[in-house]
Amino acid sequence: MQLYNATTGALVNGAIATSGQLGAPDGLAISGGALFASGSTSGNIAQFNATTGALMNASFVTGLSEPESMAVSGNSLYVLNVGSASVSVYNATTGATVNASLVGGLNSGPQFIAVAGNSLLVTNIAANNVSQFDATTGAVINASFISGLDSPTGLAVAGNSLYVVFDGSVTAANYGQIGQYDVTTGAAINAALMVLAPSDPRGIAVVAIPEPSAAAAALASLACLGWARRRHAATG
């Protein structure tokens, strides 16, 4: 796992995680000065300094079941456990368990998670949809918040927009696309906002870039995530 300067692209730290700290690093999340990385085969989340990449706690959270995607909201760290088809929640400062099984029964190939207000959003690659849950109670709000997608994987929230990556198949019309949706209603704003084929994008991040006249949103698709593994079949 490597750390780069978000402005210049310069390498900051070329090896901020070792195989002894993380087995098959799969997900990343940032909260304040802390960078979290999940190890899907080691079943743990390690904590690093987000500026230098220095290890802070190799066992910030342990005993997970193939943890992959993560999301931070306030002081809550949400973790998608692909092995148990569930989402758990931890204190983002201490790593203490808040709810080990906030959402369960995610048997349609869950891929990535994101939090928007009090909504927890999950992409399901087998069901070709995005599901919406209450981020506090885990109750289902809308199992098919956005439907009719083609192998959705990564997702990110910025303002009132939800961006979704379509992994798809190389023959699909929307292969390698990023779609934009209303994060409140799920309505499509632009289902083909970006077309990155023949690249095979998986994860996505949205960052604010100040300009002289206004702030602009920059959409960065992580097309070469060596630690992202495909899961085209349902996990349950």
Protein backbone atom coordinates (compact mmCIF):
# COMPACT_ATOMS: atom_id res chain seq x y z
CA MET A 1 0.00 0.00 0.00
CA GLN A 2 1.39 3.39 -0.99
CA LEU A 3 0.69 7.00 0.00
CA TYR A 4 0.81 9.88 -2.51
CA ASN A 5 0.46 13.65 -2.29
CA ALA A 6 -3.09 14.46 -3.41
CA THR A 7 -2.02 17.75 -5.00
CA THR A 8 1.15 16.80 -6.85
CA GLY A 9 0.90 13.02 -7.10
CA ALA A 10 4.36 12.70 -5.56
CA LEU A 11 5.10 9.54 -3.60
CA VAL A 12 5.05 10.18 0.16
CA ASN A 13 5.52 6.64 1.45
CA GLY A 14 6.04 3.64 -0.79
CA ALA A 15 5.31 0.95 1.77
CA ILE A 16 2.98 1.99 4.56
CA ALA A 17 1.63 -1.50 5.17
CA THR A 18 3.36 -4.88 5.22
CA SER A 19 1.98 -8.38 4.88
CA GLY A 20 2.42 -8.76 8.62
CA GLN A 21 0.10 -5.84 9.28
CA LEU A 22 -2.52 -6.48 6.60
CA GLY A 23 -3.31 -9.58 4.60
CA ALA A 24 -4.61 -8.54 1.15
CA PRO A 25 -5.34 -4.86 1.88
CA ASP A 26 -8.71 -4.09 0.35
CA GLY A 27 -10.33 -0.91 1.68
CA LEU A 28 -9.31 2.58 2.73
CA ALA A 29 -10.95 5.35 4.76
CA ILE A 30 -9.75 8.58 6.36
CA SER A 31 -10.93 10.24 9.57
CA GLY A 32 -9.07 13.38 10.61
CA GLY A 33 -5.39 12.50 10.77
CA ALA A 34 -5.99 8.74 10.67
CA LEU A 35 -5.89 6.49 7.63
CA PHE A 36 -7.65 3.13 8.01
CA ALA A 37 -6.86 0.10 5.86
CA SER A 38 -8.70 -3.22 5.94
CA GLY A 39 -7.05 -6.61 5.47
CA SER A 40 -9.53 -9.01 3.92
CA THR A 41 -7.51 -12.16 4.63
CA SER A 42 -6.10 -11.07 8.00
CA GLY A 43 -9.50 -9.90 9.25
CA ASN A 44 -8.23 -6.68 10.77
CA ILE A 45 -8.17 -2.92 10.29
CA ALA A 46 -4.88 -1.12 10.75
CA GLN A 47 -4.56 2.58 11.57
CA PHE A 48 -1.89 4.81 10.02
CA ASN A 49 -0.93 8.47 10.16
CA ALA A 50 -2.73 9.97 7.15
CA THR A 51 0.08 12.46 6.52
CA THR A 52 3.20 10.34 6.86
CA GLY A 53 1.87 6.82 6.51
CA ALA A 54 3.46 5.81 9.82
CA LEU A 55 1.78 2.87 11.55
CA MET A 56 -0.30 3.89 14.58
CA ASN A 57 -2.12 0.66 15.45
CA ALA A 58 -1.83 -2.57 13.45
CA SER A 59 -4.78 -4.07 15.35
CA PHE A 60 -7.15 -1.11 15.55
CA VAL A 61 -10.05 -3.53 14.91
CA THR A 62 -9.64 -7.31 14.79
CA GLY A 63 -11.72 -10.46 14.37
CA LEU A 64 -13.53 -9.34 11.22
CA SER A 65 -14.77 -11.52 8.37
CA GLU A 66 -13.11 -10.45 5.12
CA PRO A 67 -13.39 -6.71 5.77
CA GLU A 68 -13.24 -4.70 2.58
CA SER A 69 -14.93 -1.34 1.95
CA MET A 70 -15.14 1.21 4.79
CA ALA A 71 -16.82 4.56 5.36
CA VAL A 72 -16.50 7.17 8.10
CA SER A 73 -19.32 9.38 9.33
CA GLY A 74 -18.70 11.55 12.36
CA ASN A 75 -16.97 9.32 14.86
CA SER A 76 -18.33 6.10 13.38
CA LEU A 77 -16.30 3.74 11.21
CA TYR A 78 -18.50 1.48 9.06
CA VAL A 79 -16.99 -1.75 7.73
CA LEU A 80 -18.33 -4.08 5.05
CA ASN A 81 -17.59 -7.69 5.98
CA VAL A 82 -17.87 -9.70 2.77
CA GLY A 83 -17.29 -13.00 4.55
CA SER A 84 -20.31 -12.57 6.83
CA ALA A 85 -22.34 -10.45 4.36
CA SER A 86 -22.74 -7.72 6.96
CA VAL A 87 -21.85 -4.17 7.94
CA SER A 88 -20.41 -3.45 11.37
CA VAL A 89 -19.74 -0.14 13.13
CA TYR A 90 -16.83 0.90 15.34
CA ASN A 91 -15.72 4.00 17.19
CA ALA A 92 -13.39 5.79 14.77
CA THR A 93 -11.24 7.10 17.62
CA THR A 94 -10.83 4.03 19.83
CA GLY A 95 -11.82 1.10 17.61
CA ALA A 96 -14.37 -0.02 20.18
CA THR A 97 -17.33 -1.97 18.82
CA VAL A 98 -20.53 0.05 18.42
CA ASN A 99 -22.53 -2.61 16.57
CA ALA A 100 -20.86 -5.76 15.23
CA SER A 101 -23.82 -6.53 12.98
CA LEU A 102 -25.61 -3.31 12.12
CA VAL A 103 -26.80 -4.81 8.83
CA GLY A 104 -26.84 -8.50 7.99
CA GLY A 105 -28.02 -10.75 5.19
CA LEU A 106 -26.28 -8.87 2.39
CA ASN A 107 -26.37 -11.87 0.09
CA SER A 108 -26.35 -10.14 -3.29
CA GLY A 109 -22.63 -9.60 -3.68
CA PRO A 110 -22.01 -6.46 -1.59
CA GLN A 111 -19.07 -4.46 -2.93
CA PHE A 112 -18.69 -0.97 -1.46
CA ILE A 113 -20.41 1.18 1.15
CA ALA A 114 -20.91 4.91 1.68
CA VAL A 115 -22.73 7.02 4.26
CA ALA A 116 -24.83 10.08 3.44
CA GLY A 117 -26.46 11.72 6.44
CA ASN A 118 -28.32 8.92 8.16
CA SER A 119 -28.33 6.67 5.11
CA LEU A 120 -25.97 3.75 4.66
CA LEU A 121 -25.64 2.82 0.98
CA VAL A 122 -24.41 -0.53 -0.34
CA THR A 123 -23.68 -1.58 -3.93
CA ASN A 124 -24.77 -5.14 -4.79
CA ILE A 125 -23.04 -6.56 -7.84
CA ALA A 126 -25.28 -9.63 -8.20
CA ALA A 127 -28.55 -7.72 -7.74
CA ASN A 128 -27.33 -4.81 -9.90
CA ASN A 129 -28.60 -2.25 -7.44
CA VAL A 130 -27.79 0.08 -4.54
CA SER A 131 -29.53 -0.61 -1.24
CA GLN A 132 -30.29 2.00 1.42
CA PHE A 133 -30.30 1.39 5.18
CA ASP A 134 -30.70 3.50 8.29
CA ALA A 135 -27.12 4.28 9.36
CA THR A 136 -28.11 4.25 13.05
CA THR A 137 -30.43 1.27 13.36
CA GLY A 138 -29.53 -0.74 10.26
CA ALA A 139 -33.19 -0.96 9.24
CA VAL A 140 -33.91 -1.28 5.53
CA ILE A 141 -35.07 2.01 4.02
CA ASN A 142 -35.08 0.93 0.38
CA ALA A 143 -33.61 -2.40 -0.75
CA SER A 144 -33.56 -1.15 -4.35
CA PHE A 145 -32.75 2.51 -3.84
CA ILE A 146 -31.18 2.54 -7.30
CA SER A 147 -31.87 -0.40 -9.62
CA GLY A 148 -31.19 -1.51 -13.17
CA LEU A 149 -27.42 -1.01 -12.87
CA ASP A 150 -24.73 -3.13 -14.50
CA SER A 151 -22.40 -4.67 -11.92
CA PRO A 152 -22.13 -1.64 -9.61
CA THR A 153 -19.00 -1.55 -7.47
CA GLY A 154 -17.52 1.67 -6.07
CA LEU A 155 -19.57 4.58 -4.82
CA ALA A 156 -18.92 7.97 -3.25
CA VAL A 157 -20.99 10.86 -1.93
CA ALA A 158 -20.39 14.57 -2.53
CA GLY A 159 -23.06 17.09 -1.57
CA ASN A 160 -26.36 15.81 -2.90
CA SER A 161 -24.76 13.56 -5.49
CA LEU A 162 -24.02 9.85 -5.30
CA TYR A 163 -21.45 8.57 -7.80
CA VAL A 164 -21.55 4.88 -8.77
CA VAL A 165 -18.98 2.89 -10.74
CA PHE A 166 -20.24 0.28 -13.22
CA ASP A 167 -17.83 -2.62 -13.50
CA GLY A 168 -20.01 -4.44 -16.02
CA SER A 169 -18.76 -6.68 -18.78
CA VAL A 170 -16.58 -5.56 -21.65
CA THR A 171 -19.50 -5.98 -24.03
CA ALA A 172 -21.98 -3.97 -21.94
CA ALA A 173 -22.99 -0.53 -23.15
CA ASN A 174 -22.10 1.09 -19.83
CA TYR A 175 -18.87 -0.82 -19.18
CA GLY A 176 -16.36 1.36 -17.35
CA GLN A 177 -18.82 4.17 -16.65
CA ILE A 178 -19.47 6.35 -13.61
CA GLY A 179 -23.06 7.40 -13.05
CA GLN A 180 -24.34 10.32 -10.96
CA TYR A 181 -27.53 10.07 -8.90
CA ASP A 182 -29.49 12.15 -6.41
CA VAL A 183 -28.38 10.87 -3.00
CA THR A 184 -31.76 11.72 -1.46
CA THR A 185 -34.12 10.22 -4.05
CA GLY A 186 -31.91 7.88 -6.07
CA ALA A 187 -33.02 9.58 -9.29
CA ALA A 188 -30.49 9.59 -12.12
CA ILE A 189 -28.76 12.93 -12.74
CA ASN A 190 -26.37 11.59 -15.37
CA ALA A 191 -26.11 7.81 -15.71
CA ALA A 192 -23.06 8.18 -17.97
CA LEU A 193 -21.22 11.06 -16.34
CA MET A 194 -17.83 9.58 -17.21
CA VAL A 195 -16.85 6.78 -19.59
CA LEU A 196 -13.48 5.23 -18.73
CA ALA A 197 -13.55 2.10 -20.88
CA PRO A 198 -11.41 0.23 -21.78
CA SER A 199 -10.20 0.85 -18.22
CA ASP A 200 -11.86 -1.25 -15.53
CA PRO A 201 -12.59 1.20 -12.69
CA ARG A 202 -13.53 -0.15 -9.28
CA GLY A 203 -13.21 2.43 -6.51
CA ILE A 204 -13.95 6.11 -6.58
CA ALA A 205 -13.15 9.21 -4.53
CA VAL A 206 -14.48 12.77 -4.73
CA VAL A 207 -12.41 15.71 -3.53
CA ALA A 208 -12.98 19.46 -3.49
CA ILE A 209 -10.54 21.54 -5.54
CA PRO A 210 -10.64 25.32 -4.94
CA GLU A 211 -10.54 27.53 -8.02
CA PRO A 212 -10.15 31.32 -8.24
CA SER A 213 -13.83 31.78 -9.01
CA ALA A 214 -15.49 28.85 -7.28
CA ALA A 215 -14.97 25.44 -5.76
CA ALA A 216 -15.06 22.58 -8.21
CA ALA A 217 -15.57 18.88 -7.62
CA ALA A 218 -12.99 16.57 -9.04
CA LEU A 219 -13.93 12.99 -9.65
CA ALA A 220 -11.07 10.53 -9.40
CA SER A 221 -11.69 6.95 -10.45
CA LEU A 222 -9.21 4.48 -9.03
CA ALA A 223 -8.93 2.35 -12.13
CA CYS A 224 -5.90 0.37 -11.01
CA LEU A 225 -6.68 -0.80 -7.50
CA GLY A 226 -4.38 -3.76 -7.12
CA TRP A 227 -6.01 -4.59 -3.82
CA ALA A 228 -9.60 -4.58 -5.17
CA ARG A 229 -10.93 -8.04 -5.93
CA ARG A 230 -13.91 -8.76 -8.12
CA ARG A 231 -16.92 -10.45 -6.63
CA HIS A 232 -19.35 -11.04 -9.47
CA ALA A 233 -21.23 -13.76 -7.60
CA ALA A 234 -23.42 -13.36 -4.54
CA THR A 235 -21.63 -14.11 -1.30
CA GLY A 236 -24.43 -15.99 0.35
